């Protein structure tokens, strides 16, 4: 598999993580570099790790992964999105904190971040299984490919947090609802695409 193919695969896999980074940026008034790094590195790490796990699992598990990955991604993203919407509505009624799914610092909590990173990298797991069926026959080559995927994810997600923060300022108390809808929409998109064989 050539470098161009890996770059295209990496861009495709990173799109969901990029959208979640934008959504996470919606929820903060001011983005700190440490926060943007934490999000983008988490997404990049899981996007790079999942193809390795998928490759190691091999071809014999490909059917099992294929039959459940869209369910897991949809349920995780939908659950987080629904919670974000409900909490935002509740907190807007109280006129206190706008983003209750966040930690006390106004940033995504570690538990939520891990759930988002796993949910957006499930497709990368299936891609890793497909690597084991393709011409990725050496572990060193696999690590290089996974590293490229992780790097692309990082390069998209880091500015994505800042884009979301700037965009979210216009929405004020509605940003949590917009973010929740985006997360649910991504989960449904993953589910529909897989059911339709996309």
N, C-alpha and C. Protein backbone atom coordinates (compact mmCIF):
# COMPACT_ATOMS: atom_id res chain seq x y z
N UNK A 1 0.85 -1.18 0.00
CA UNK A 1 0.00 0.00 0.00
C UNK A 1 0.89 1.23 0.00
N UNK A 2 0.73 2.09 -1.00
CA UNK A 2 1.59 3.24 -1.16
C UNK A 2 1.30 4.37 -0.19
N UNK A 3 2.25 5.31 -0.06
CA UNK A 3 2.07 6.44 0.86
C UNK A 3 0.83 7.28 0.55
N UNK A 4 0.52 7.47 -0.73
CA UNK A 4 -0.66 8.25 -1.09
C UNK A 4 -1.93 7.58 -0.60
N UNK A 5 -2.00 6.25 -0.75
CA UNK A 5 -3.17 5.51 -0.25
C UNK A 5 -3.33 5.68 1.26
N UNK A 6 -2.22 5.60 1.98
CA UNK A 6 -2.27 5.75 3.44
C UNK A 6 -2.71 7.16 3.82
N UNK A 7 -2.24 8.16 3.09
CA UNK A 7 -2.64 9.55 3.37
C UNK A 7 -4.15 9.71 3.16
N UNK A 8 -4.66 9.16 2.05
CA UNK A 8 -6.10 9.25 1.77
C UNK A 8 -6.89 8.53 2.86
N UNK A 9 -6.43 7.33 3.24
CA UNK A 9 -7.10 6.58 4.31
C UNK A 9 -7.05 7.38 5.61
N UNK A 10 -5.88 7.96 5.90
CA UNK A 10 -5.73 8.75 7.12
C UNK A 10 -6.67 9.94 7.16
N UNK A 11 -6.81 10.63 6.03
CA UNK A 11 -7.73 11.77 5.96
C UNK A 11 -9.17 11.32 6.19
N UNK A 12 -9.54 10.20 5.57
CA UNK A 12 -10.90 9.69 5.75
C UNK A 12 -11.18 9.32 7.19
N UNK A 13 -10.22 8.62 7.81
CA UNK A 13 -10.41 8.20 9.19
C UNK A 13 -10.43 9.38 10.15
N UNK A 14 -9.70 10.45 9.82
CA UNK A 14 -9.59 11.58 10.74
C UNK A 14 -10.80 12.52 10.71
N UNK A 15 -11.68 12.37 9.73
CA UNK A 15 -12.79 13.31 9.58
C UNK A 15 -13.71 13.33 10.80
N UNK A 16 -14.05 12.16 11.33
CA UNK A 16 -14.92 12.12 12.50
C UNK A 16 -14.24 12.75 13.71
N UNK A 17 -12.95 12.45 13.89
CA UNK A 17 -12.21 13.03 15.01
C UNK A 17 -12.11 14.55 14.86
N UNK A 18 -11.93 15.02 13.62
CA UNK A 18 -11.89 16.46 13.37
C UNK A 18 -13.22 17.11 13.75
N UNK A 19 -14.32 16.49 13.35
CA UNK A 19 -15.64 17.04 13.67
C UNK A 19 -15.87 17.09 15.18
N UNK A 20 -15.41 16.05 15.90
CA UNK A 20 -15.55 16.04 17.35
C UNK A 20 -14.66 17.10 17.98
N UNK A 21 -13.49 17.34 17.40
CA UNK A 21 -12.61 18.41 17.91
C UNK A 21 -13.28 19.77 17.76
N UNK A 22 -13.92 19.99 16.62
CA UNK A 22 -14.66 21.23 16.42
C UNK A 22 -15.77 21.34 17.45
N UNK A 23 -16.49 20.24 17.66
CA UNK A 23 -17.58 20.21 18.64
C UNK A 23 -17.04 20.51 20.04
N UNK A 24 -15.89 19.94 20.38
CA UNK A 24 -15.30 20.19 21.70
C UNK A 24 -14.87 21.65 21.84
N UNK A 25 -14.41 22.24 20.76
CA UNK A 25 -14.04 23.65 20.80
C UNK A 25 -15.25 24.56 20.97
N UNK A 26 -16.43 24.09 20.52
CA UNK A 26 -17.66 24.87 20.71
C UNK A 26 -17.94 25.12 22.18
N UNK A 27 -17.52 24.17 23.02
CA UNK A 27 -17.93 24.18 24.41
C UNK A 27 -17.04 25.01 25.34
N UNK A 28 -16.02 25.65 24.81
CA UNK A 28 -15.16 26.46 25.66
C UNK A 28 -15.11 27.89 25.14
N UNK A 29 -14.98 28.82 26.07
CA UNK A 29 -14.94 30.23 25.67
C UNK A 29 -13.56 30.61 25.11
N UNK A 30 -12.51 30.00 25.68
CA UNK A 30 -11.14 30.30 25.25
C UNK A 30 -10.34 29.01 25.27
N UNK A 31 -9.71 28.69 24.15
CA UNK A 31 -8.95 27.45 24.04
C UNK A 31 -7.52 27.67 24.53
N UNK A 32 -7.10 26.84 25.47
CA UNK A 32 -5.69 26.85 25.88
C UNK A 32 -4.94 25.83 25.03
N UNK A 33 -3.67 26.08 24.78
CA UNK A 33 -2.86 25.18 23.96
C UNK A 33 -2.84 23.78 24.58
N UNK A 34 -2.74 23.72 25.92
CA UNK A 34 -2.70 22.43 26.60
C UNK A 34 -3.96 21.62 26.32
N UNK A 35 -5.10 22.30 26.31
CA UNK A 35 -6.38 21.64 26.05
C UNK A 35 -6.45 21.12 24.62
N UNK A 36 -6.05 21.96 23.66
CA UNK A 36 -6.05 21.54 22.25
C UNK A 36 -5.10 20.37 22.02
N UNK A 37 -3.95 20.40 22.70
CA UNK A 37 -3.00 19.30 22.59
C UNK A 37 -3.57 18.02 23.18
N UNK A 38 -4.23 18.13 24.34
CA UNK A 38 -4.80 16.95 24.99
C UNK A 38 -5.82 16.27 24.09
N UNK A 39 -6.71 17.06 23.49
CA UNK A 39 -7.71 16.49 22.60
C UNK A 39 -7.09 15.89 21.35
N UNK A 40 -6.25 16.67 20.67
CA UNK A 40 -5.71 16.20 19.40
C UNK A 40 -4.77 15.01 19.58
N UNK A 41 -3.99 14.99 20.66
CA UNK A 41 -3.12 13.84 20.91
C UNK A 41 -3.92 12.59 21.27
N UNK A 42 -5.01 12.77 22.01
CA UNK A 42 -5.86 11.61 22.36
C UNK A 42 -6.47 11.00 21.11
N UNK A 43 -7.03 11.85 20.25
CA UNK A 43 -7.62 11.34 19.01
C UNK A 43 -6.56 10.69 18.13
N UNK A 44 -5.40 11.34 18.02
CA UNK A 44 -4.32 10.80 17.19
C UNK A 44 -3.84 9.46 17.72
N UNK A 45 -3.69 9.35 19.04
CA UNK A 45 -3.22 8.10 19.65
C UNK A 45 -4.15 6.94 19.31
N UNK A 46 -5.45 7.14 19.51
CA UNK A 46 -6.39 6.04 19.25
C UNK A 46 -6.53 5.74 17.76
N UNK A 47 -6.44 6.78 16.91
CA UNK A 47 -6.50 6.54 15.47
C UNK A 47 -5.29 5.75 15.00
N UNK A 48 -4.15 5.92 15.66
CA UNK A 48 -2.95 5.15 15.31
C UNK A 48 -2.97 3.76 15.95
N UNK A 49 -3.52 3.67 17.15
CA UNK A 49 -3.53 2.39 17.87
C UNK A 49 -4.50 1.38 17.26
N UNK A 50 -5.67 1.84 16.87
CA UNK A 50 -6.71 0.91 16.41
C UNK A 50 -6.31 0.11 15.16
N UNK A 51 -5.66 0.70 14.16
CA UNK A 51 -5.22 -0.13 13.03
C UNK A 51 -4.24 -1.23 13.44
N UNK A 52 -3.40 -0.93 14.43
CA UNK A 52 -2.45 -1.94 14.91
C UNK A 52 -3.21 -3.09 15.56
N UNK A 53 -4.19 -2.76 16.41
CA UNK A 53 -4.99 -3.80 17.05
C UNK A 53 -5.75 -4.60 16.01
N UNK A 54 -6.34 -3.90 15.03
CA UNK A 54 -7.08 -4.58 13.97
C UNK A 54 -6.19 -5.51 13.15
N UNK A 55 -5.00 -5.04 12.84
CA UNK A 55 -4.06 -5.87 12.07
C UNK A 55 -3.67 -7.11 12.85
N UNK A 56 -3.42 -6.93 14.16
CA UNK A 56 -3.04 -8.06 15.00
C UNK A 56 -4.18 -9.07 15.14
N UNK A 57 -5.40 -8.55 15.18
CA UNK A 57 -6.56 -9.45 15.28
C UNK A 57 -6.66 -10.33 14.04
N UNK A 58 -6.32 -9.75 12.89
CA UNK A 58 -6.24 -10.54 11.68
C UNK A 58 -7.56 -10.78 10.98
N UNK A 59 -7.44 -11.51 9.89
CA UNK A 59 -8.58 -11.73 9.00
C UNK A 59 -9.68 -12.57 9.63
N UNK A 60 -9.36 -13.45 10.56
CA UNK A 60 -10.40 -14.34 11.11
C UNK A 60 -11.43 -13.61 11.94
N UNK A 61 -11.08 -12.39 12.42
CA UNK A 61 -12.05 -11.63 13.21
C UNK A 61 -12.72 -10.52 12.41
N UNK A 62 -12.41 -10.40 11.14
CA UNK A 62 -12.92 -9.27 10.36
C UNK A 62 -14.43 -9.23 10.28
N UNK A 63 -15.06 -10.38 10.15
CA UNK A 63 -16.52 -10.40 10.06
C UNK A 63 -17.16 -9.95 11.37
N UNK A 64 -16.63 -10.39 12.51
CA UNK A 64 -17.20 -9.99 13.80
C UNK A 64 -17.06 -8.49 14.01
N UNK A 65 -15.92 -7.95 13.69
CA UNK A 65 -15.71 -6.51 13.86
C UNK A 65 -16.63 -5.73 12.92
N UNK A 66 -16.75 -6.22 11.70
CA UNK A 66 -17.58 -5.53 10.72
C UNK A 66 -19.05 -5.50 11.13
N UNK A 67 -19.50 -6.52 11.84
CA UNK A 67 -20.92 -6.58 12.19
C UNK A 67 -21.28 -5.72 13.39
N UNK A 68 -20.30 -5.30 14.19
CA UNK A 68 -20.65 -4.53 15.39
C UNK A 68 -20.04 -3.13 15.44
N UNK A 69 -19.09 -2.80 14.59
CA UNK A 69 -18.41 -1.52 14.75
C UNK A 69 -19.34 -0.33 14.59
N UNK A 70 -20.28 -0.41 13.67
CA UNK A 70 -21.21 0.71 13.47
C UNK A 70 -22.17 0.87 14.65
N UNK A 71 -22.54 -0.23 15.29
CA UNK A 71 -23.41 -0.17 16.47
C UNK A 71 -22.68 0.51 17.63
N UNK A 72 -21.45 0.09 17.88
CA UNK A 72 -20.67 0.65 18.99
C UNK A 72 -20.45 2.15 18.77
N UNK A 73 -20.02 2.53 17.58
CA UNK A 73 -19.76 3.95 17.29
C UNK A 73 -21.04 4.77 17.43
N UNK A 74 -22.16 4.27 16.88
CA UNK A 74 -23.41 5.02 16.94
C UNK A 74 -23.88 5.18 18.38
N UNK A 75 -23.85 4.09 19.15
CA UNK A 75 -24.35 4.16 20.53
C UNK A 75 -23.51 5.07 21.41
N UNK A 76 -22.19 5.00 21.27
CA UNK A 76 -21.32 5.87 22.07
C UNK A 76 -21.53 7.34 21.72
N UNK A 77 -21.51 7.65 20.42
CA UNK A 77 -21.68 9.04 20.00
C UNK A 77 -23.07 9.57 20.33
N UNK A 78 -24.10 8.73 20.13
CA UNK A 78 -25.47 9.16 20.43
C UNK A 78 -25.66 9.40 21.92
N UNK A 79 -25.13 8.51 22.75
CA UNK A 79 -25.27 8.67 24.21
C UNK A 79 -24.60 9.95 24.69
N UNK A 80 -23.41 10.22 24.19
CA UNK A 80 -22.70 11.45 24.59
C UNK A 80 -23.45 12.68 24.05
N UNK A 81 -23.93 12.60 22.81
CA UNK A 81 -24.66 13.71 22.22
C UNK A 81 -25.96 14.02 22.95
N UNK A 82 -26.72 12.98 23.29
CA UNK A 82 -27.98 13.17 24.01
C UNK A 82 -27.72 13.77 25.38
N UNK A 83 -26.70 13.27 26.06
CA UNK A 83 -26.37 13.81 27.39
C UNK A 83 -25.98 15.28 27.28
N UNK A 84 -25.20 15.63 26.26
CA UNK A 84 -24.79 17.02 26.08
C UNK A 84 -26.00 17.92 25.85
N UNK A 85 -26.95 17.46 25.03
CA UNK A 85 -28.16 18.25 24.74
C UNK A 85 -28.99 18.43 26.01
N UNK A 86 -29.27 17.33 26.71
CA UNK A 86 -30.10 17.40 27.91
C UNK A 86 -29.46 18.26 28.99
N UNK A 87 -28.16 18.09 29.19
CA UNK A 87 -27.47 18.89 30.20
C UNK A 87 -27.45 20.37 29.84
N UNK A 88 -27.30 20.66 28.55
CA UNK A 88 -27.29 22.06 28.12
C UNK A 88 -28.65 22.71 28.34
N UNK A 89 -29.71 21.99 28.00
CA UNK A 89 -31.07 22.52 28.22
C UNK A 89 -31.30 22.76 29.70
N UNK A 90 -30.90 21.79 30.52
CA UNK A 90 -31.08 21.90 31.96
C UNK A 90 -30.30 23.08 32.53
N UNK A 91 -29.06 23.21 32.12
CA UNK A 91 -28.22 24.28 32.65
C UNK A 91 -28.62 25.65 32.10
N UNK A 92 -29.13 25.70 30.86
CA UNK A 92 -29.62 26.98 30.34
C UNK A 92 -30.81 27.46 31.14
N UNK A 93 -31.64 26.51 31.58
CA UNK A 93 -32.79 26.86 32.40
C UNK A 93 -32.35 27.42 33.75
N UNK A 94 -31.22 26.92 34.26
CA UNK A 94 -30.69 27.39 35.54
C UNK A 94 -29.80 28.62 35.36
N UNK A 95 -29.46 28.96 34.11
CA UNK A 95 -28.60 30.10 33.78
C UNK A 95 -27.24 30.04 34.47
N UNK A 96 -26.73 28.85 34.69
CA UNK A 96 -25.40 28.71 35.27
C UNK A 96 -24.42 28.28 34.20
N UNK A 97 -23.81 27.12 34.43
CA UNK A 97 -22.82 26.60 33.48
C UNK A 97 -23.51 26.13 32.22
N UNK A 98 -22.94 26.44 31.08
CA UNK A 98 -23.53 26.06 29.80
C UNK A 98 -23.14 24.66 29.39
N UNK A 99 -22.01 24.19 29.84
CA UNK A 99 -21.49 22.92 29.34
C UNK A 99 -21.23 21.92 30.47
N UNK A 100 -22.29 21.31 31.01
CA UNK A 100 -22.14 20.43 32.15
C UNK A 100 -21.43 19.12 31.83
N UNK A 101 -21.28 18.76 30.57
CA UNK A 101 -20.54 17.53 30.24
C UNK A 101 -19.04 17.77 30.35
N UNK A 102 -18.68 18.98 30.70
CA UNK A 102 -17.27 19.31 30.81
C UNK A 102 -16.84 19.28 32.27
N UNK A 103 -15.55 19.30 32.49
CA UNK A 103 -15.02 19.32 33.84
C UNK A 103 -15.17 20.72 34.42
N UNK A 104 -14.76 20.89 35.67
CA UNK A 104 -14.87 22.19 36.34
C UNK A 104 -14.07 23.28 35.64
N UNK A 105 -13.08 22.91 34.86
CA UNK A 105 -12.26 23.91 34.17
C UNK A 105 -12.91 24.40 32.88
N UNK A 106 -14.07 23.86 32.54
CA UNK A 106 -14.73 24.24 31.30
C UNK A 106 -14.26 23.45 30.11
N UNK A 107 -13.59 22.32 30.34
CA UNK A 107 -13.06 21.50 29.26
C UNK A 107 -13.65 20.09 29.33
N UNK A 108 -13.55 19.36 28.23
CA UNK A 108 -14.06 18.00 28.17
C UNK A 108 -13.40 17.16 29.27
N UNK A 109 -14.22 16.42 30.01
CA UNK A 109 -13.67 15.56 31.07
C UNK A 109 -12.89 14.41 30.45
N UNK A 110 -12.00 13.81 31.23
CA UNK A 110 -11.17 12.72 30.73
C UNK A 110 -12.02 11.54 30.29
N UNK A 111 -13.05 11.21 31.06
CA UNK A 111 -13.90 10.08 30.71
C UNK A 111 -14.61 10.32 29.37
N UNK A 112 -15.14 11.52 29.19
CA UNK A 112 -15.82 11.86 27.94
C UNK A 112 -14.82 11.86 26.78
N UNK A 113 -13.63 12.39 27.02
CA UNK A 113 -12.61 12.43 25.98
C UNK A 113 -12.23 11.02 25.52
N UNK A 114 -12.03 10.11 26.46
CA UNK A 114 -11.69 8.73 26.10
C UNK A 114 -12.81 8.06 25.32
N UNK A 115 -14.06 8.30 25.74
CA UNK A 115 -15.19 7.72 25.02
C UNK A 115 -15.26 8.26 23.60
N UNK A 116 -15.03 9.56 23.43
CA UNK A 116 -15.05 10.16 22.10
C UNK A 116 -13.91 9.63 21.24
N UNK A 117 -12.72 9.51 21.83
CA UNK A 117 -11.56 9.02 21.07
C UNK A 117 -11.78 7.59 20.60
N UNK A 118 -12.35 6.75 21.47
CA UNK A 118 -12.62 5.36 21.08
C UNK A 118 -13.71 5.31 20.01
N UNK A 119 -14.79 6.07 20.22
CA UNK A 119 -15.91 6.05 19.28
C UNK A 119 -15.50 6.48 17.89
N UNK A 120 -14.65 7.50 17.80
CA UNK A 120 -14.26 8.01 16.48
C UNK A 120 -13.16 7.17 15.83
N UNK A 121 -12.58 6.24 16.58
CA UNK A 121 -11.51 5.42 16.00
C UNK A 121 -11.93 3.98 15.70
N UNK A 122 -13.20 3.67 15.88
CA UNK A 122 -13.67 2.29 15.64
C UNK A 122 -13.46 1.90 14.17
N UNK A 123 -13.71 2.83 13.26
CA UNK A 123 -13.48 2.54 11.85
C UNK A 123 -12.02 2.19 11.58
N UNK A 124 -11.12 2.81 12.31
CA UNK A 124 -9.69 2.52 12.14
C UNK A 124 -9.35 1.09 12.53
N UNK A 125 -10.12 0.54 13.46
CA UNK A 125 -9.94 -0.86 13.85
C UNK A 125 -10.24 -1.77 12.66
N UNK A 126 -11.35 -1.50 12.00
CA UNK A 126 -11.72 -2.29 10.82
C UNK A 126 -10.71 -2.11 9.69
N UNK A 127 -10.19 -0.89 9.55
CA UNK A 127 -9.16 -0.65 8.52
C UNK A 127 -7.92 -1.47 8.82
N UNK A 128 -7.57 -1.58 10.11
CA UNK A 128 -6.43 -2.40 10.49
C UNK A 128 -6.62 -3.86 10.11
N UNK A 129 -7.83 -4.35 10.26
CA UNK A 129 -8.12 -5.73 9.84
C UNK A 129 -7.94 -5.85 8.33
N UNK A 130 -8.38 -4.84 7.60
CA UNK A 130 -8.22 -4.89 6.14
C UNK A 130 -6.74 -4.82 5.76
N UNK A 131 -5.92 -4.13 6.56
CA UNK A 131 -4.49 -4.11 6.31
C UNK A 131 -3.90 -5.52 6.34
N UNK A 132 -4.41 -6.36 7.25
CA UNK A 132 -3.88 -7.72 7.36
C UNK A 132 -4.23 -8.56 6.13
N UNK A 133 -5.23 -8.13 5.38
CA UNK A 133 -5.62 -8.82 4.15
C UNK A 133 -4.90 -8.24 2.93
N UNK A 134 -4.35 -7.05 3.10
CA UNK A 134 -3.69 -6.38 1.97
C UNK A 134 -2.20 -6.69 2.00
N UNK A 135 -1.41 -5.79 1.48
CA UNK A 135 0.03 -6.05 1.38
C UNK A 135 0.84 -5.49 2.54
N UNK A 136 0.16 -5.20 3.67
CA UNK A 136 0.88 -4.77 4.86
C UNK A 136 1.27 -6.04 5.61
N UNK A 137 2.43 -6.58 5.26
CA UNK A 137 2.82 -7.89 5.78
C UNK A 137 3.95 -7.82 6.81
N UNK A 138 4.47 -6.61 7.09
CA UNK A 138 5.52 -6.46 8.09
C UNK A 138 5.05 -5.51 9.18
N UNK A 139 5.39 -5.84 10.42
CA UNK A 139 4.96 -5.02 11.56
C UNK A 139 5.55 -3.62 11.46
N UNK A 140 6.79 -3.49 10.98
CA UNK A 140 7.41 -2.18 10.84
C UNK A 140 6.66 -1.30 9.85
N UNK A 141 6.19 -1.91 8.77
CA UNK A 141 5.39 -1.17 7.78
C UNK A 141 4.05 -0.75 8.38
N UNK A 142 3.46 -1.64 9.16
CA UNK A 142 2.20 -1.33 9.84
C UNK A 142 2.38 -0.14 10.78
N UNK A 143 3.45 -0.13 11.56
CA UNK A 143 3.70 0.98 12.49
C UNK A 143 3.89 2.30 11.75
N UNK A 144 4.55 2.26 10.60
CA UNK A 144 4.72 3.46 9.79
C UNK A 144 3.36 3.97 9.30
N UNK A 145 2.53 3.06 8.78
CA UNK A 145 1.20 3.44 8.30
C UNK A 145 0.34 4.00 9.44
N UNK A 146 0.38 3.34 10.59
CA UNK A 146 -0.40 3.79 11.74
C UNK A 146 0.10 5.16 12.21
N UNK A 147 1.41 5.38 12.17
CA UNK A 147 1.97 6.67 12.55
C UNK A 147 1.51 7.79 11.63
N UNK A 148 1.44 7.51 10.34
CA UNK A 148 0.95 8.51 9.37
C UNK A 148 -0.51 8.84 9.66
N UNK A 149 -1.32 7.83 9.93
CA UNK A 149 -2.74 8.05 10.25
C UNK A 149 -2.87 8.90 11.50
N UNK A 150 -2.07 8.59 12.53
CA UNK A 150 -2.11 9.37 13.76
C UNK A 150 -1.67 10.82 13.55
N UNK A 151 -0.63 11.01 12.75
CA UNK A 151 -0.13 12.36 12.47
C UNK A 151 -1.17 13.20 11.73
N UNK A 152 -1.81 12.60 10.74
CA UNK A 152 -2.85 13.32 9.99
C UNK A 152 -3.99 13.72 10.93
N UNK A 153 -4.38 12.80 11.80
CA UNK A 153 -5.45 13.10 12.76
C UNK A 153 -5.06 14.27 13.65
N UNK A 154 -3.83 14.25 14.16
CA UNK A 154 -3.36 15.34 15.02
C UNK A 154 -3.38 16.67 14.27
N UNK A 155 -2.88 16.67 13.02
CA UNK A 155 -2.79 17.91 12.25
C UNK A 155 -4.16 18.49 11.90
N UNK A 156 -5.19 17.66 11.86
CA UNK A 156 -6.54 18.15 11.62
C UNK A 156 -7.24 18.57 12.91
N UNK A 157 -7.04 17.79 13.97
CA UNK A 157 -7.78 18.02 15.21
C UNK A 157 -7.30 19.22 15.99
N UNK A 158 -5.99 19.47 15.99
CA UNK A 158 -5.46 20.60 16.77
C UNK A 158 -6.10 21.93 16.33
N UNK A 159 -6.06 22.28 15.04
CA UNK A 159 -6.74 23.52 14.65
C UNK A 159 -8.26 23.41 14.75
N UNK A 160 -8.79 22.18 14.67
CA UNK A 160 -10.23 21.99 14.77
C UNK A 160 -10.81 22.50 16.08
N UNK A 161 -10.07 22.34 17.18
CA UNK A 161 -10.54 22.84 18.48
C UNK A 161 -10.67 24.36 18.44
N UNK A 162 -9.70 25.04 17.83
CA UNK A 162 -9.74 26.50 17.73
C UNK A 162 -10.87 26.97 16.81
N UNK A 163 -11.07 26.23 15.72
CA UNK A 163 -12.16 26.57 14.81
C UNK A 163 -13.49 26.47 15.53
N UNK A 164 -13.65 25.39 16.30
CA UNK A 164 -14.89 25.21 17.05
C UNK A 164 -15.12 26.29 18.09
N UNK A 165 -14.06 26.69 18.76
CA UNK A 165 -14.18 27.73 19.78
C UNK A 165 -14.64 29.05 19.17
N UNK A 166 -14.05 29.41 18.06
CA UNK A 166 -14.42 30.67 17.39
C UNK A 166 -15.85 30.60 16.86
N UNK A 167 -16.21 29.48 16.27
CA UNK A 167 -17.55 29.29 15.72
C UNK A 167 -18.58 29.25 16.84
N UNK A 168 -18.23 28.62 17.95
CA UNK A 168 -19.17 28.44 19.05
C UNK A 168 -19.53 29.72 19.76
N UNK A 169 -18.66 30.72 19.70
CA UNK A 169 -18.94 31.98 20.39
C UNK A 169 -20.23 32.62 19.90
N UNK A 170 -20.58 32.39 18.65
CA UNK A 170 -21.80 32.98 18.08
C UNK A 170 -23.05 32.30 18.60
N UNK A 171 -22.89 31.08 19.12
CA UNK A 171 -24.05 30.31 19.54
C UNK A 171 -24.38 30.45 21.02
N UNK A 172 -23.42 30.90 21.81
CA UNK A 172 -23.58 31.07 23.24
C UNK A 172 -24.20 29.82 23.86
N UNK A 173 -25.39 29.92 24.45
CA UNK A 173 -26.00 28.81 25.18
C UNK A 173 -26.46 27.67 24.31
N UNK A 174 -26.44 27.83 22.98
CA UNK A 174 -26.89 26.77 22.09
C UNK A 174 -25.76 25.86 21.64
N UNK A 175 -24.52 26.18 21.98
CA UNK A 175 -23.38 25.42 21.49
C UNK A 175 -23.43 23.96 21.94
N UNK A 176 -23.85 23.73 23.18
CA UNK A 176 -23.95 22.35 23.67
C UNK A 176 -24.97 21.55 22.88
N UNK A 177 -26.07 22.19 22.50
CA UNK A 177 -27.09 21.51 21.71
C UNK A 177 -26.56 21.22 20.31
N UNK A 178 -25.90 22.21 19.70
CA UNK A 178 -25.32 22.01 18.37
C UNK A 178 -24.30 20.87 18.41
N UNK A 179 -23.44 20.90 19.43
CA UNK A 179 -22.45 19.83 19.57
C UNK A 179 -23.09 18.47 19.74
N UNK A 180 -24.12 18.39 20.56
CA UNK A 180 -24.83 17.12 20.75
C UNK A 180 -25.45 16.60 19.48
N UNK A 181 -26.07 17.51 18.73
CA UNK A 181 -26.68 17.11 17.45
C UNK A 181 -25.62 16.62 16.48
N UNK A 182 -24.46 17.31 16.44
CA UNK A 182 -23.37 16.87 15.57
C UNK A 182 -22.89 15.47 15.93
N UNK A 183 -22.75 15.20 17.23
CA UNK A 183 -22.30 13.88 17.67
C UNK A 183 -23.31 12.80 17.30
N UNK A 184 -24.57 13.07 17.55
CA UNK A 184 -25.61 12.10 17.18
C UNK A 184 -25.61 11.88 15.68
N UNK A 185 -25.51 12.97 14.92
CA UNK A 185 -25.48 12.87 13.46
C UNK A 185 -24.32 12.03 12.95
N UNK A 186 -23.15 12.20 13.58
CA UNK A 186 -22.00 11.39 13.17
C UNK A 186 -22.23 9.92 13.46
N UNK A 187 -22.82 9.63 14.62
CA UNK A 187 -23.12 8.24 14.95
C UNK A 187 -24.08 7.61 13.97
N UNK A 188 -25.13 8.35 13.62
CA UNK A 188 -26.11 7.86 12.65
C UNK A 188 -25.47 7.68 11.28
N UNK A 189 -24.60 8.64 10.90
CA UNK A 189 -23.91 8.55 9.61
C UNK A 189 -23.06 7.29 9.52
N UNK A 190 -22.30 7.01 10.56
CA UNK A 190 -21.48 5.79 10.57
C UNK A 190 -22.36 4.56 10.44
N UNK A 191 -23.46 4.55 11.18
CA UNK A 191 -24.37 3.40 11.17
C UNK A 191 -25.00 3.20 9.78
N UNK A 192 -25.52 4.28 9.20
CA UNK A 192 -26.19 4.19 7.90
C UNK A 192 -25.21 3.78 6.80
N UNK A 193 -24.02 4.40 6.80
CA UNK A 193 -23.03 4.07 5.77
C UNK A 193 -22.66 2.60 5.83
N UNK A 194 -22.48 2.07 7.04
CA UNK A 194 -22.10 0.67 7.15
C UNK A 194 -23.26 -0.25 6.74
N UNK A 195 -24.48 0.11 7.12
CA UNK A 195 -25.64 -0.70 6.74
C UNK A 195 -25.87 -0.71 5.24
N UNK A 196 -25.49 0.40 4.59
CA UNK A 196 -25.66 0.49 3.14
C UNK A 196 -24.43 -0.02 2.39
N UNK A 197 -23.46 -0.48 3.17
CA UNK A 197 -22.25 -1.02 2.54
C UNK A 197 -21.28 0.02 2.07
N UNK A 198 -21.39 1.27 2.66
CA UNK A 198 -20.52 2.36 2.25
C UNK A 198 -19.21 2.33 2.96
